[in-house]
Amino acid sequence: MRKSSSVVHVLCGGALLSLAAAGSAQAQAWLTFDVQGSAAVSPIAITRTGNTIVGYYNTGTADASFLRTSDGVVSTFSLVDGASTRALSANRYNDIAGTVSPGPTTQGFLRTADGLAVRFSVDGSSFTEATGINDKDLVAGDYTDTSTSKRNGFVRKPDGKVTTFASPDGTDVAVKAINNQGTVVGTYGTHGFYRNNQGVMTTFRITANYVVPVAINAGGAIAAYYADTSGKIHGLVRSSSGALQGFNAPNAANGSFPTGINDDGIVVGWCLDGQNVTHGFALNTATSKFAALNAPDGAKGTKLLAIGQDGKMVGFYTDAGGAQHAVRANAAITGF
């Protein structure tokens, strides 16, 4: 694999400053898997332990969901015949949260490891999206209030009780993830936010343009991306203490897009090169070094979408013929 290097930056007072040159690394092993009958598979999440991978795929008429357990067995499910079912998050017990779209409505769902599923909607909403679940079966997401047409956030407890929240300025809320401490991250307007389990929301923004937090680890570190004043997209890590570290991944001529962060501070994501081909990457925030991670058969691009606590990373690649395949990059990497 081609070795790459880049520069990590620290943000200070809105300025993007050079911190250190990044190292290079390469994956030791890749595992490709597909869902029978689908040409487009999107593995969205990998559990913290157990290496269960969940996501969704296209059946030709709608999206259905899948999970692949650590023994390599792939099972699929749809909650409503003919309606799209998208698994978007999973916890260590293989409980899954996601969305299902029967008729004109979209609902959230919680599916437990035994295959039992509950569909739910926030009261007064025709659109409810469950985007995150933690190990306590707290489900977070967002919904559209039909009386105001505004999108707000929610947290649903295992007993079905739902707490909702709005943005400080009345703009739409998009919830991205929840950690085991019950802290929710997401975006509203041009701001990022995190909301703790006491309901206190803290907002942050890097420039006048937008920032999008996408993941939070157990320690409270947040992975995000943001647009600078020229519109270019950069990666961002916000530490639990509030320190901001911006970065450009290897080959990121046209943008860096983090997608996940684990408790060891390893960030994964993808970037666009000068020809708009996608490349996967990992960033070790402790060493400020990158691993450029391109699937061997990903002639038309690789995207990494999530990382487990053991460092295994999942995503997909597009082969020379244009087919999309699910992939797992194993944890063993060198020079990182």
C-alpha atoms as a PDB file:
ATOM      1  CA  MET A   1       0.000   0.000   0.000  1.00  0.00           C
ATOM      2  CA  ARG A   2       1.183   3.527  -0.788  1.00  0.00           C
ATOM      3  CA  LYS A   3       2.623   5.301   2.245  1.00  0.00           C
ATOM      4  CA  SER A   4       1.206   8.736   2.944  1.00  0.00           C
ATOM      5  CA  SER A   5       1.910  11.595   5.298  1.00  0.00           C
ATOM      6  CA  SER A   6       0.044  14.725   6.255  1.00  0.00           C
ATOM      7  CA  VAL A   7      -0.017  17.451   8.868  1.00  0.00           C
ATOM      8  CA  VAL A   8      -1.985  17.555  12.077  1.00  0.00           C
ATOM      9  CA  HIS A   9      -3.136  20.969  13.244  1.00  0.00           C
ATOM     10  CA  VAL A  10      -4.239  22.600  16.454  1.00  0.00           C
ATOM     11  CA  LEU A  11      -6.964  25.216  16.437  1.00  0.00           C
ATOM     12  CA  CYS A  12      -6.270  28.266  18.553  1.00  0.00           C
ATOM     13  CA  GLY A  13      -8.509  31.314  18.437  1.00  0.00           C
ATOM     14  CA  GLY A  14      -9.914  30.161  15.117  1.00  0.00           C
ATOM     15  CA  ALA A  15      -6.515  29.810  13.446  1.00  0.00           C
ATOM     16  CA  LEU A  16      -5.291  26.543  11.931  1.00  0.00           C
ATOM     17  CA  LEU A  17      -1.698  25.992  13.116  1.00  0.00           C
ATOM     18  CA  SER A  18       0.820  23.264  12.273  1.00  0.00           C
ATOM     19  CA  LEU A  19       1.470  20.826  15.131  1.00  0.00           C
ATOM     20  CA  ALA A  20       3.434  17.848  13.825  1.00  0.00           C
ATOM     21  CA  ALA A  21       4.066  15.769  10.769  1.00  0.00           C
ATOM     22  CA  ALA A  22       2.065  12.575  10.772  1.00  0.00           C
ATOM     23  CA  GLY A  23       3.532   9.136  10.473  1.00  0.00           C
ATOM     24  CA  SER A  24       2.380   6.456   8.064  1.00  0.00           C
ATOM     25  CA  ALA A  25       1.002   3.001   8.610  1.00  0.00           C
ATOM     26  CA  GLN A  26      -0.752   0.220   6.802  1.00  0.00           C
ATOM     27  CA  ALA A  27      -3.356  -2.355   7.654  1.00  0.00           C
ATOM     28  CA  GLN A  28      -2.179  -5.909   8.226  1.00  0.00           C
ATOM     29  CA  ALA A  29      -5.412  -7.595   7.127  1.00  0.00           C
ATOM     30  CA  TRP A  30      -8.766  -6.872   5.561  1.00  0.00           C
ATOM     31  CA  LEU A  31     -11.979  -8.865   5.637  1.00  0.00           C
ATOM     32  CA  THR A  32     -14.506  -8.409   2.825  1.00  0.00           C
ATOM     33  CA  PHE A  33     -18.093  -9.560   3.164  1.00  0.00           C
ATOM     34  CA  ASP A  34     -21.350  -9.003   1.306  1.00  0.00           C
ATOM     35  CA  VAL A  35     -25.050  -9.533   1.816  1.00  0.00           C
ATOM     36  CA  GLN A  36     -26.423 -11.981  -0.704  1.00  0.00           C
ATOM     37  CA  GLY A  37     -28.457 -10.306  -3.414  1.00  0.00           C
ATOM     38  CA  SER A  38     -27.226  -6.766  -2.770  1.00  0.00           C
ATOM     39  CA  ALA A  39     -24.738  -4.672  -4.743  1.00  0.00           C
ATOM     40  CA  ALA A  40     -24.555  -1.893  -2.135  1.00  0.00           C
ATOM     41  CA  VAL A  41     -23.816  -2.710   1.516  1.00  0.00           C
ATOM     42  CA  SER A  42     -23.264  -0.029   4.174  1.00  0.00           C
ATOM     43  CA  PRO A  43     -21.830  -1.303   7.481  1.00  0.00           C
ATOM     44  CA  ILE A  44     -22.598   1.607   9.802  1.00  0.00           C
ATOM     45  CA  ALA A  45     -21.476   0.403  13.241  1.00  0.00           C
ATOM     46  CA  ILE A  46     -19.306  -2.147  15.038  1.00  0.00           C
ATOM     47  CA  THR A  47     -19.929  -3.030  18.654  1.00  0.00           C
ATOM     48  CA  ARG A  48     -17.440  -2.006  21.350  1.00  0.00           C
ATOM     49  CA  THR A  49     -16.792  -5.690  22.103  1.00  0.00           C
ATOM     50  CA  GLY A  50     -17.691  -8.851  20.244  1.00  0.00           C
ATOM     51  CA  ASN A  51     -17.016  -7.445  16.770  1.00  0.00           C
ATOM     52  CA  THR A  52     -20.642  -7.585  15.672  1.00  0.00           C
ATOM     53  CA  ILE A  53     -21.147  -5.356  12.632  1.00  0.00           C
ATOM     54  CA  VAL A  54     -24.505  -3.818  11.729  1.00  0.00           C
ATOM     55  CA  GLY A  55     -25.753  -1.744   8.849  1.00  0.00           C
ATOM     56  CA  TYR A  56     -28.108  -1.790   5.915  1.00  0.00           C
ATOM     57  CA  TYR A  57     -28.181  -2.776   2.265  1.00  0.00           C
ATOM     58  CA  ASN A  58     -30.364  -2.228  -0.770  1.00  0.00           C
ATOM     59  CA  THR A  59     -32.692  -5.026  -1.837  1.00  0.00           C
ATOM     60  CA  GLY A  60     -33.555  -3.394  -5.149  1.00  0.00           C
ATOM     61  CA  THR A  61     -36.856  -2.022  -3.853  1.00  0.00           C
ATOM     62  CA  ALA A  62     -36.023  -0.846  -0.309  1.00  0.00           C
ATOM     63  CA  ASP A  63     -33.305  -0.905   2.327  1.00  0.00           C
ATOM     64  CA  ALA A  64     -33.053  -3.828   4.739  1.00  0.00           C
ATOM     65  CA  SER A  65     -30.741  -4.291   7.708  1.00  0.00           C
ATOM     66  CA  PHE A  66     -28.085  -6.851   8.570  1.00  0.00           C
ATOM     67  CA  LEU A  67     -25.830  -7.921  11.382  1.00  0.00           C
ATOM     68  CA  ARG A  68     -22.656  -9.939  11.078  1.00  0.00           C
ATOM     69  CA  THR A  69     -21.561 -11.686  14.269  1.00  0.00           C
ATOM     70  CA  SER A  70     -17.964 -12.412  15.220  1.00  0.00           C
ATOM     71  CA  ASP A  71     -18.247 -15.966  13.869  1.00  0.00           C
ATOM     72  CA  GLY A  72     -18.959 -14.601  10.380  1.00  0.00           C
ATOM     73  CA  VAL A  73     -22.688 -15.363  10.270  1.00  0.00           C
ATOM     74  CA  VAL A  74     -24.693 -12.674   8.460  1.00  0.00           C
ATOM     75  CA  SER A  75     -28.423 -12.351   9.215  1.00  0.00           C
ATOM     76  CA  THR A  76     -30.862  -9.852   7.746  1.00  0.00           C
ATOM     77  CA  PHE A  77     -34.120  -8.295   8.880  1.00  0.00           C
ATOM     78  CA  SER A  78     -36.860  -5.889   7.816  1.00  0.00           C
ATOM     79  CA  LEU A  79     -39.469  -4.695  10.284  1.00  0.00           C
ATOM     80  CA  VAL A  80     -42.188  -3.875   7.738  1.00  0.00           C
ATOM     81  CA  ASP A  81     -42.573  -5.653   4.401  1.00  0.00           C
ATOM     82  CA  GLY A  82     -41.706  -3.331   1.536  1.00  0.00           C
ATOM     83  CA  ALA A  83     -40.530  -0.505   3.833  1.00  0.00           C
ATOM     84  CA  SER A  84     -36.941   0.553   4.359  1.00  0.00           C
ATOM     85  CA  THR A  85     -35.333  -0.598   7.627  1.00  0.00           C
ATOM     86  CA  ARG A  86     -31.968   0.959   8.431  1.00  0.00           C
ATOM     87  CA  ALA A  87     -29.845  -0.217  11.365  1.00  0.00           C
ATOM     88  CA  LEU A  88     -27.790   2.797  12.468  1.00  0.00           C
ATOM     89  CA  SER A  89     -26.214   1.872  15.814  1.00  0.00           C
ATOM     90  CA  ALA A  90     -25.571  -1.114  18.091  1.00  0.00           C
ATOM     91  CA  ASN A  91     -24.403  -1.671  21.657  1.00  0.00           C
ATOM     92  CA  ARG A  92     -22.156  -4.338  23.169  1.00  0.00           C
ATOM     93  CA  TYR A  93     -25.141  -6.635  23.736  1.00  0.00           C
ATOM     94  CA  ASN A  94     -26.091  -6.564  20.030  1.00  0.00           C
ATOM     95  CA  ASP A  95     -29.171  -4.419  20.648  1.00  0.00           C
ATOM     96  CA  ILE A  96     -29.740  -2.263  17.578  1.00  0.00           C
ATOM     97  CA  ALA A  97     -31.341   1.140  16.983  1.00  0.00           C
ATOM     98  CA  GLY A  98     -32.391   2.561  13.649  1.00  0.00           C
ATOM     99  CA  THR A  99     -35.245   3.773  11.487  1.00  0.00           C
ATOM    100  CA  VAL A 100     -38.102   2.175   9.604  1.00  0.00           C
ATOM    101  CA  SER A 101     -40.292   3.967   7.071  1.00  0.00           C
ATOM    102  CA  PRO A 102     -43.762   2.458   6.707  1.00  0.00           C
ATOM    103  CA  GLY A 103     -46.028   4.530   4.467  1.00  0.00           C
ATOM    104  CA  PRO A 104     -45.585   8.304   4.770  1.00  0.00           C
ATOM    105  CA  THR A 105     -44.038   8.137   8.250  1.00  0.00           C
ATOM    106  CA  THR A 106     -40.587   7.351   9.613  1.00  0.00           C
ATOM    107  CA  GLN A 107     -40.262   5.680  13.010  1.00  0.00           C
ATOM    108  CA  GLY A 108     -37.399   4.762  15.286  1.00  0.00           C
ATOM    109  CA  PHE A 109     -36.852   1.209  16.399  1.00  0.00           C
ATOM    110  CA  LEU A 110     -35.065  -0.743  19.093  1.00  0.00           C
ATOM    111  CA  ARG A 111     -34.292  -4.374  18.255  1.00  0.00           C
ATOM    112  CA  THR A 112     -32.865  -6.537  21.021  1.00  0.00           C
ATOM    113  CA  ALA A 113     -30.377  -9.355  20.493  1.00  0.00           C
ATOM    114  CA  ASP A 114     -33.157 -11.948  20.663  1.00  0.00           C
ATOM    115  CA  GLY A 115     -34.755 -10.405  17.561  1.00  0.00           C
ATOM    116  CA  LEU A 116     -37.656  -8.660  19.301  1.00  0.00           C
ATOM    117  CA  ALA A 117     -38.226  -5.161  17.938  1.00  0.00           C
ATOM    118  CA  VAL A 118     -40.199  -2.170  19.150  1.00  0.00           C
ATOM    119  CA  ARG A 119     -41.120   0.640  16.781  1.00  0.00           C
ATOM    120  CA  PHE A 120     -41.770   4.049  18.268  1.00  0.00           C
ATOM    121  CA  SER A 121     -42.510   7.656  17.386  1.00  0.00           C
ATOM    122  CA  VAL A 122     -42.137  10.759  19.514  1.00  0.00           C
ATOM    123  CA  ASP A 123     -45.606  12.122  20.291  1.00  0.00           C
ATOM    124  CA  GLY A 124     -46.713  14.610  17.671  1.00  0.00           C
ATOM    125  CA  SER A 125     -44.145  13.509  15.116  1.00  0.00           C
ATOM    126  CA  SER A 126     -44.451  11.905  11.697  1.00  0.00           C
ATOM    127  CA  PHE A 127     -40.657  11.590  11.452  1.00  0.00           C
ATOM    128  CA  THR A 128     -38.638   9.946  14.243  1.00  0.00           C
ATOM    129  CA  GLU A 129     -35.043   8.842  13.638  1.00  0.00           C
ATOM    130  CA  ALA A 130     -33.081   6.751  16.160  1.00  0.00           C
ATOM    131  CA  THR A 131     -29.394   7.323  15.437  1.00  0.00           C
ATOM    132  CA  GLY A 132     -27.601   6.093  18.572  1.00  0.00           C
ATOM    133  CA  ILE A 133     -27.841   3.511  21.349  1.00  0.00           C
ATOM    134  CA  ASN A 134     -25.620   2.912  24.376  1.00  0.00           C
ATOM    135  CA  ASP A 135     -24.988  -0.137  26.548  1.00  0.00           C
ATOM    136  CA  LYS A 136     -27.843   0.888  28.894  1.00  0.00           C
ATOM    137  CA  ASP A 137     -30.310   0.814  25.977  1.00  0.00           C
ATOM    138  CA  LEU A 138     -30.723   4.572  26.009  1.00  0.00           C
ATOM    139  CA  VAL A 139     -31.686   5.484  22.438  1.00  0.00           C
ATOM    140  CA  ALA A 140     -31.007   8.959  21.071  1.00  0.00           C
ATOM    141  CA  GLY A 141     -32.166  10.603  17.889  1.00  0.00           C
ATOM    142  CA  ASP A 142     -34.216  13.419  16.439  1.00  0.00           C
ATOM    143  CA  TYR A 143     -37.778  13.988  15.298  1.00  0.00           C
ATOM    144  CA  THR A 144     -39.899  16.567  13.475  1.00  0.00           C
ATOM    145  CA  ASP A 145     -42.534  18.338  15.559  1.00  0.00           C
ATOM    146  CA  THR A 146     -45.540  18.541  13.246  1.00  0.00           C
ATOM    147  CA  SER A 147     -46.928  21.600  15.057  1.00  0.00           C
ATOM    148  CA  THR A 148     -43.826  23.706  14.378  1.00  0.00           C
ATOM    149  CA  SER A 149     -42.087  21.790  11.534  1.00  0.00           C
ATOM    150  CA  LYS A 150     -38.904  22.013  13.642  1.00  0.00           C
ATOM    151  CA  ARG A 151     -36.582  19.078  14.228  1.00  0.00           C
ATOM    152  CA  ASN A 152     -35.737  18.462  17.884  1.00  0.00           C
ATOM    153  CA  GLY A 153     -33.679  15.852  19.739  1.00  0.00           C
ATOM    154  CA  PHE A 154     -34.802  13.052  22.032  1.00  0.00           C
ATOM    155  CA  VAL A 155     -33.497  10.424  24.431  1.00  0.00           C
ATOM    156  CA  ARG A 156     -35.613   7.311  24.999  1.00  0.00           C
ATOM    157  CA  LYS A 157     -35.223   5.183  28.137  1.00  0.00           C
ATOM    158  CA  PRO A 158     -35.641   1.375  28.102  1.00  0.00           C
ATOM    159  CA  ASP A 159     -39.086   1.767  29.737  1.00  0.00           C
ATOM    160  CA  GLY A 160     -40.229   3.845  26.750  1.00  0.00           C
ATOM    161  CA  LYS A 161     -40.154   7.235  28.491  1.00  0.00           C
ATOM    162  CA  VAL A 162     -38.949   9.925  26.088  1.00  0.00           C
ATOM    163  CA  THR A 163     -37.248  13.226  26.945  1.00  0.00           C
ATOM    164  CA  THR A 164     -37.132  15.808  24.164  1.00  0.00           C
ATOM    165  CA  PHE A 165     -34.998  18.906  23.707  1.00  0.00           C
ATOM    166  CA  ALA A 166     -34.711  21.798  21.276  1.00  0.00           C
ATOM    167  CA  SER A 167     -31.809  23.961  20.148  1.00  0.00           C
ATOM    168  CA  PRO A 168     -31.117  27.258  21.933  1.00  0.00           C
ATOM    169  CA  ASP A 169     -31.845  29.297  18.811  1.00  0.00           C
ATOM    170  CA  GLY A 170     -34.789  27.315  17.445  1.00  0.00           C
ATOM    171  CA  THR A 171     -32.914  25.837  14.468  1.00  0.00           C
ATOM    172  CA  ASP A 172     -33.173  22.156  13.550  1.00  0.00           C
ATOM    173  CA  VAL A 173     -31.370  19.598  15.709  1.00  0.00           C
ATOM    174  CA  ALA A 174     -29.613  16.541  14.213  1.00  0.00           C
ATOM    175  CA  VAL A 175     -28.495  13.977  16.815  1.00  0.00           C
ATOM    176  CA  LYS A 176     -25.539  11.805  15.809  1.00  0.00           C
ATOM    177  CA  ALA A 177     -24.529   9.607  18.775  1.00  0.00           C
ATOM    178  CA  ILE A 178     -24.787   8.844  22.502  1.00  0.00           C
ATOM    179  CA  ASN A 179     -22.111   7.411  24.814  1.00  0.00           C
ATOM    180  CA  ASN A 180     -22.414   5.183  27.884  1.00  0.00           C
ATOM    181  CA  GLN A 181     -22.548   8.218  30.158  1.00  0.00           C
ATOM    182  CA  GLY A 182     -25.702   9.338  28.369  1.00  0.00           C
ATOM    183  CA  THR A 183     -24.051  12.309  26.650  1.00  0.00           C
ATOM    184  CA  VAL A 184     -25.577  13.090  23.269  1.00  0.00           C
ATOM    185  CA  VAL A 185     -23.752  14.851  20.431  1.00  0.00           C
ATOM    186  CA  GLY A 186     -25.067  16.482  17.310  1.00  0.00           C
ATOM    187  CA  THR A 187     -25.532  19.730  15.472  1.00  0.00           C
ATOM    188  CA  TYR A 188     -27.958  22.612  15.166  1.00  0.00           C
ATOM    189  CA  GLY A 189     -27.649  25.466  12.728  1.00  0.00           C
ATOM    190  CA  THR A 190     -23.916  26.032  12.309  1.00  0.00           C
ATOM    191  CA  HIS A 191     -23.090  24.816  15.840  1.00  0.00           C
ATOM    192  CA  GLY A 192     -22.032  21.525  17.303  1.00  0.00           C
ATOM    193  CA  PHE A 193     -23.293  20.494  20.718  1.00  0.00           C
ATOM    194  CA  TYR A 194     -23.051  17.912  23.443  1.00  0.00           C
ATOM    195  CA  ARG A 195     -25.829  17.395  26.004  1.00  0.00           C
ATOM    196  CA  ASN A 196     -25.068  15.580  29.249  1.00  0.00           C
ATOM    197  CA  ASN A 197     -27.334  13.176  31.133  1.00  0.00           C
ATOM    198  CA  GLN A 198     -28.591  16.051  33.290  1.00  0.00           C
ATOM    199  CA  GLY A 199     -29.913  17.837  30.228  1.00  0.00           C
ATOM    200  CA  VAL A 200     -27.244  20.546  30.123  1.00  0.00           C
ATOM    201  CA  MET A 201     -26.348  21.450  26.530  1.00  0.00           C
ATOM    202  CA  THR A 202     -22.948  22.889  25.636  1.00  0.00           C
ATOM    203  CA  THR A 203     -22.403  24.309  22.173  1.00  0.00           C
ATOM    204  CA  PHE A 204     -19.275  25.007  20.161  1.00  0.00           C
ATOM    205  CA  ARG A 205     -18.348  26.341  16.756  1.00  0.00           C
ATOM    206  CA  ILE A 206     -14.966  26.743  15.058  1.00  0.00           C
ATOM    207  CA  THR A 207     -15.650  29.300  12.353  1.00  0.00           C
ATOM    208  CA  ALA A 208     -18.701  31.184  11.144  1.00  0.00           C
ATOM    209  CA  ASN A 209     -19.308  28.163   8.934  1.00  0.00           C
ATOM    210  CA  TYR A 210     -20.688  24.865  10.196  1.00  0.00           C
ATOM    211  CA  VAL A 211     -19.305  22.128  12.443  1.00  0.00           C
ATOM    212  CA  VAL A 212     -20.761  18.596  12.559  1.00  0.00           C
ATOM    213  CA  PRO A 213     -19.941  16.344  15.552  1.00  0.00           C
ATOM    214  CA  VAL A 214     -20.362  12.704  14.516  1.00  0.00           C
ATOM    215  CA  ALA A 215     -19.218  10.543  17.457  1.00  0.00           C
ATOM    216  CA  ILE A 216     -18.308  10.659  21.156  1.00  0.00           C
ATOM    217  CA  ASN A 217     -16.300   8.184  23.228  1.00  0.00           C
ATOM    218  CA  ALA A 218     -16.705   7.159  26.870  1.00  0.00           C
ATOM    219  CA  GLY A 219     -14.294   9.859  28.028  1.00  0.00           C
ATOM    220  CA  GLY A 220     -16.198  12.623  26.268  1.00  0.00           C
ATOM    221  CA  ALA A 221     -13.840  13.193  23.325  1.00  0.00           C
ATOM    222  CA  ILE A 222     -15.770  14.160  20.204  1.00  0.00           C
ATOM    223  CA  ALA A 223     -14.933  13.540  16.540  1.00  0.00           C
ATOM    224  CA  ALA A 224     -16.313  16.062  14.074  1.00  0.00           C
ATOM    225  CA  TYR A 225     -15.723  17.864  10.811  1.00  0.00           C
ATOM    226  CA  TYR A 226     -16.087  21.531   9.964  1.00  0.00           C
ATOM    227  CA  ALA A 227     -15.892  23.995   7.094  1.00  0.00           C
ATOM    228  CA  ASP A 228     -13.345  26.798   7.156  1.00  0.00           C
ATOM    229  CA  THR A 229     -14.037  30.289   5.826  1.00  0.00           C
ATOM    230  CA  SER A 230     -13.228  29.160   2.282  1.00  0.00           C
ATOM    231  CA  GLY A 231     -15.596  26.205   2.538  1.00  0.00           C
ATOM    232  CA  LYS A 232     -12.941  23.467   2.734  1.00  0.00           C
ATOM    233  CA  ILE A 233     -13.785  20.573   5.068  1.00  0.00           C
ATOM    234  CA  HIS A 234     -11.368  19.569   7.853  1.00  0.00           C
ATOM    235  CA  GLY A 235     -11.469  16.932  10.561  1.00  0.00           C
ATOM    236  CA  LEU A 236     -11.731  17.954  14.195  1.00  0.00           C
ATOM    237  CA  VAL A 237     -11.278  16.349  17.609  1.00  0.00           C
ATOM    238  CA  ARG A 238     -12.602  18.083  20.720  1.00  0.00           C
ATOM    239  CA  SER A 239     -11.071  16.626  23.868  1.00  0.00           C
ATOM    240  CA  SER A 240     -13.058  16.175  27.078  1.00  0.00           C
ATOM    241  CA  SER A 241     -11.297  19.282  28.423  1.00  0.00           C
ATOM    242  CA  GLY A 242     -12.405  21.344  25.439  1.00  0.00           C
ATOM    243  CA  ALA A 243      -9.116  21.438  23.491  1.00  0.00           C
ATOM    244  CA  LEU A 244      -9.654  21.540  19.733  1.00  0.00           C
ATOM    245  CA  GLN A 245      -7.409  19.658  17.310  1.00  0.00           C
ATOM    246  CA  GLY A 246      -8.086  20.135  13.617  1.00  0.00           C
ATOM    247  CA  PHE A 247      -6.531  17.943  10.970  1.00  0.00           C
ATOM    248  CA  ASN A 248      -6.266  17.077   7.306  1.00  0.00           C
ATOM    249  CA  ALA A 249      -6.046  13.363   6.561  1.00  0.00           C
ATOM    250  CA  PRO A 250      -3.594  11.917   4.020  1.00  0.00           C
ATOM    251  CA  ASN A 251      -4.726  12.614   0.430  1.00  0.00           C
ATOM    252  CA  ALA A 252      -7.362  15.081   1.703  1.00  0.00           C
ATOM    253  CA  ALA A 253      -7.183  17.629  -1.109  1.00  0.00           C
ATOM    254  CA  ASN A 254     -10.971  17.993  -1.083  1.00  0.00           C
ATOM    255  CA  GLY A 255     -11.931  17.339   2.526  1.00  0.00           C
ATOM    256  CA  SER A 256     -11.579  15.107   5.612  1.00  0.00           C
ATOM    257  CA  PHE A 257     -14.659  13.441   7.119  1.00  0.00           C
ATOM    258  CA  PRO A 258     -14.254  11.647  10.475  1.00  0.00           C
ATOM    259  CA  THR A 259     -16.945   9.091  11.267  1.00  0.00           C
ATOM    260  CA  GLY A 260     -15.978   7.486  14.598  1.00  0.00           C
ATOM    261  CA  ILE A 261     -13.761   7.579  17.679  1.00  0.00           C
ATOM    262  CA  ASN A 262     -13.031   4.866  20.251  1.00  0.00           C
ATOM    263  CA  ASP A 263     -12.066   5.125  23.916  1.00  0.00           C
ATOM    264  CA  ASP A 264      -8.349   5.007  23.047  1.00  0.00           C
ATOM    265  CA  GLY A 265      -8.730   8.172  20.991  1.00  0.00           C
ATOM    266  CA  ILE A 266      -8.391   6.500  17.590  1.00  0.00           C
ATOM    267  CA  VAL A 267     -10.410   8.420  15.015  1.00  0.00           C
ATOM    268  CA  VAL A 268     -11.515   6.861  11.722  1.00  0.00           C
ATOM    269  CA  GLY A 269     -13.096   8.327   8.623  1.00  0.00           C
ATOM    270  CA  TRP A 270     -12.562   9.023   4.968  1.00  0.00           C
ATOM    271  CA  CYS A 271     -11.284  11.828   2.798  1.00  0.00           C
ATOM    272  CA  LEU A 272     -11.466  13.017  -0.803  1.00  0.00           C
ATOM    273  CA  ASP A 273      -8.348  13.380  -2.918  1.00  0.00           C
ATOM    274  CA  GLY A 274      -7.868  15.840  -5.786  1.00  0.00           C
ATOM    275  CA  GLN A 275      -9.828  13.571  -8.138  1.00  0.00           C
ATOM    276  CA  ASN A 276     -12.638  13.111  -5.578  1.00  0.00           C
ATOM    277  CA  VAL A 277     -11.676   9.482  -4.939  1.00  0.00           C
ATOM    278  CA  THR A 278     -12.327   8.421  -1.342  1.00  0.00           C
ATOM    279  CA  HIS A 279      -9.642   7.048   0.985  1.00  0.00           C
ATOM    280  CA  GLY A 280     -10.025   5.614   4.483  1.00  0.00           C
ATOM    281  CA  PHE A 281      -7.876   6.807   7.354  1.00  0.00           C
ATOM    282  CA  ALA A 282      -7.250   6.423  11.073  1.00  0.00           C
ATOM    283  CA  LEU A 283      -5.751   9.067  13.365  1.00  0.00           C
ATOM    284  CA  ASN A 284      -4.095   8.270  16.680  1.00  0.00           C
ATOM    285  CA  THR A 285      -4.789  11.418  18.687  1.00  0.00           C
ATOM    286  CA  ALA A 286      -2.158  10.459  21.277  1.00  0.00           C
ATOM    287  CA  THR A 287       0.681  10.387  18.736  1.00  0.00           C
ATOM    288  CA  SER A 288      -0.778  12.675  16.030  1.00  0.00           C
ATOM    289  CA  LYS A 289      -0.024   9.979  13.453  1.00  0.00           C
ATOM    290  CA  PHE A 290      -2.181   8.752  10.610  1.00  0.00           C
ATOM    291  CA  ALA A 291      -2.760   5.386   9.013  1.00  0.00           C
ATOM    292  CA  ALA A 292      -3.831   5.594   5.368  1.00  0.00           C
ATOM    293  CA  LEU A 293      -6.255   2.685   4.983  1.00  0.00           C
ATOM    294  CA  ASN A 294      -7.259   1.744   1.456  1.00  0.00           C
ATOM    295  CA  ALA A 295      -8.883  -1.623   0.780  1.00  0.00           C
ATOM    296  CA  PRO A 296      -6.752  -3.652  -1.662  1.00  0.00           C
ATOM    297  CA  ASP A 297      -9.606  -4.034  -4.163  1.00  0.00           C
ATOM    298  CA  GLY A 298     -11.026  -0.530  -3.670  1.00  0.00           C
ATOM    299  CA  ALA A 299     -10.075   0.780  -7.068  1.00  0.00           C
ATOM    300  CA  LYS A 300     -12.811   3.412  -6.909  1.00  0.00           C
ATOM    301  CA  GLY A 301     -12.515   4.324  -3.251  1.00  0.00           C
ATOM    302  CA  THR A 302     -12.652   3.251   0.399  1.00  0.00           C
ATOM    303  CA  LYS A 303     -14.746   4.708   3.228  1.00  0.00           C
ATOM    304  CA  LEU A 304     -14.340   3.767   6.892  1.00  0.00           C
ATOM    305  CA  LEU A 305     -17.493   4.417   8.925  1.00  0.00           C
ATOM    306  CA  ALA A 306     -16.924   3.143  12.482  1.00  0.00           C
ATOM    307  CA  ILE A 307     -14.339   1.739  14.904  1.00  0.00           C
ATOM    308  CA  GLY A 308     -14.611  -0.757  17.760  1.00  0.00           C
ATOM    309  CA  GLN A 309     -12.873  -0.550  21.098  1.00  0.00           C
ATOM    310  CA  ASP A 310     -10.342  -3.165  19.946  1.00  0.00           C
ATOM    311  CA  GLY A 311      -9.443  -0.973  16.973  1.00  0.00           C
ATOM    312  CA  LYS A 312     -11.196  -2.950  14.245  1.00  0.00           C
ATOM    313  CA  MET A 313     -12.693  -0.613  11.658  1.00  0.00           C
ATOM    314  CA  VAL A 314     -15.614  -1.137   9.279  1.00  0.00           C
ATOM    315  CA  GLY A 315     -16.752   0.534   6.108  1.00  0.00           C
ATOM    316  CA  PHE A 316     -17.017  -0.244   2.430  1.00  0.00           C
ATOM    317  CA  TYR A 317     -15.048  -0.023  -0.771  1.00  0.00           C
ATOM    318  CA  THR A 318     -16.025   0.269  -4.416  1.00  0.00           C
ATOM    319  CA  ASP A 319     -14.321  -2.106  -6.828  1.00  0.00           C
ATOM    320  CA  ALA A 320     -13.225  -1.458 -10.403  1.00  0.00           C
ATOM    321  CA  GLY A 321     -16.640  -2.542 -11.689  1.00  0.00           C
ATOM    322  CA  GLY A 322     -18.504  -0.107  -9.445  1.00  0.00           C
ATOM    323  CA  ALA A 323     -19.832  -2.689  -6.950  1.00  0.00           C
ATOM    324  CA  GLN A 324     -19.834  -1.730  -3.267  1.00  0.00           C
ATOM    325  CA  HIS A 325     -18.541  -4.253  -0.705  1.00  0.00           C
ATOM    326  CA  ALA A 326     -18.489  -4.217   3.083  1.00  0.00           C
ATOM    327  CA  VAL A 327     -15.036  -4.398   4.648  1.00  0.00           C
ATOM    328  CA  ARG A 328     -13.432  -4.695   8.044  1.00  0.00           C
ATOM    329  CA  ALA A 329      -9.886  -3.453   8.588  1.00  0.00           C
ATOM    330  CA  ASN A 330      -8.331  -5.401  11.449  1.00  0.00           C
ATOM    331  CA  ALA A 331      -6.729  -3.687  14.422  1.00  0.00           C
ATOM    332  CA  ALA A 332      -3.115  -4.696  13.739  1.00  0.00           C
ATOM    333  CA  ILE A 333      -1.353  -1.750  12.100  1.00  0.00           C
ATOM    334  CA  THR A 334       2.301  -0.753  12.132  1.00  0.00           C
ATOM    335  CA  GLY A 335       4.046   2.582  12.613  1.00  0.00           C
ATOM    336  CA  PHE A 336       1.066   4.067  14.411  1.00  0.00           C
END
